Protein backbone atom coordinates (compact mmCIF):
# COMPACT_ATOMS: atom_id res chain seq x y z
CA UNK A 1 89.14 111.58 193.85
CA UNK A 2 86.55 108.91 194.19
CA UNK A 3 86.51 105.80 192.08
CA UNK A 4 83.04 106.71 190.72
CA UNK A 5 84.29 110.08 189.50
CA UNK A 6 87.29 108.50 187.79
CA UNK A 7 85.03 105.93 186.18
CA UNK A 8 82.69 108.71 185.01
CA UNK A 9 85.63 110.72 183.67
CA UNK A 10 86.96 107.67 181.83
CA UNK A 11 83.54 106.97 180.32
CA UNK A 12 83.16 110.64 179.36
CA UNK A 13 86.55 110.63 177.63
CA UNK A 14 85.79 107.40 175.81
CA UNK A 15 82.29 108.22 174.58
CA UNK A 16 82.24 112.02 174.25
CA UNK A 17 85.63 113.68 174.11
CA UNK A 18 87.44 111.13 171.91
CA UNK A 19 84.72 111.00 169.21
CA UNK A 20 84.40 114.80 169.22
CA UNK A 21 88.17 115.16 168.93
CA UNK A 22 88.23 112.65 166.06
CA UNK A 23 85.42 114.52 164.32
CA UNK A 24 87.19 117.86 164.74
CA UNK A 25 90.42 116.34 163.40
CA UNK A 26 88.55 114.94 160.38
CA UNK A 27 86.95 118.34 159.67
CA UNK A 28 90.35 120.02 160.01
CA UNK A 29 91.90 117.62 157.47
CA UNK A 30 89.07 118.21 154.99
CA UNK A 31 89.39 121.96 155.48
CA UNK A 32 93.12 121.72 154.68
CA UNK A 33 92.31 119.87 151.45
CA UNK A 34 89.69 122.45 150.54
CA UNK A 35 92.10 125.30 151.24
CA UNK A 36 94.67 123.69 148.94
CA UNK A 37 92.08 123.09 146.22
CA UNK A 38 90.88 126.69 146.45
CA UNK A 39 94.44 127.98 146.18
CA UNK A 40 95.03 125.85 143.08
CA UNK A 41 91.77 127.01 141.51
CA UNK A 42 92.60 130.66 142.25
CA UNK A 43 95.99 130.21 140.63
CA UNK A 44 94.44 128.61 137.55
CA UNK A 45 91.81 131.34 137.37
CA UNK A 46 94.48 134.03 137.51
CA UNK A 47 96.46 132.26 134.79
CA UNK A 48 93.37 131.97 132.58
CA UNK A 49 92.53 135.61 133.20
CA UNK A 50 96.02 136.72 132.15
CA UNK A 51 95.86 134.56 129.01
CA UNK A 52 92.40 135.94 128.20
CA UNK A 53 93.60 139.52 128.70
CA UNK A 54 96.55 138.87 126.36
CA UNK A 55 94.26 137.38 123.72
CA UNK A 56 91.85 140.32 123.95
CA UNK A 57 94.75 142.76 123.59
CA UNK A 58 96.01 140.83 120.57
CA UNK A 59 92.53 140.88 118.99
CA UNK A 60 92.25 144.61 119.68
CA UNK A 61 95.65 145.30 118.10
CA UNK A 62 94.82 143.11 115.10
CA UNK A 63 91.47 144.82 114.56
CA UNK A 64 93.18 148.24 114.76
CA UNK A 65 95.72 147.10 112.15
CA UNK A 66 92.91 145.84 109.90
CA UNK A 67 91.02 149.11 110.26
CA UNK A 68 94.15 151.11 109.47
CA UNK A 69 94.77 148.94 106.41
CA UNK A 70 91.15 149.39 105.28
CA UNK A 71 91.47 153.15 105.79
CA UNK A 72 94.60 153.23 103.65
CA UNK A 73 92.86 151.16 100.94
CA UNK A 74 89.84 153.46 101.03
CA UNK A 75 92.10 156.51 100.81
CA UNK A 76 93.97 155.03 97.84
CA UNK A 77 90.70 154.25 96.06
CA UNK A 78 89.45 157.81 96.51
CA UNK A 79 92.49 159.30 94.78
């Protein structure tokens, strides 16, 4: 290989390939952080959803118990 080609290749590596590789590495690291953050948020969302579903079920059961109690009171008053 000629000295000019090696010089060109060295310059190309220094000014093009190395910065592009550094940029790609930086993007990869940020993407890893985002993936982790998304996983944490999904886990929290699922936890909140389960808690919400439990609360709604509890409210539904409580309202059914109240309605049953009101029905029994109404029935007792009619007698």
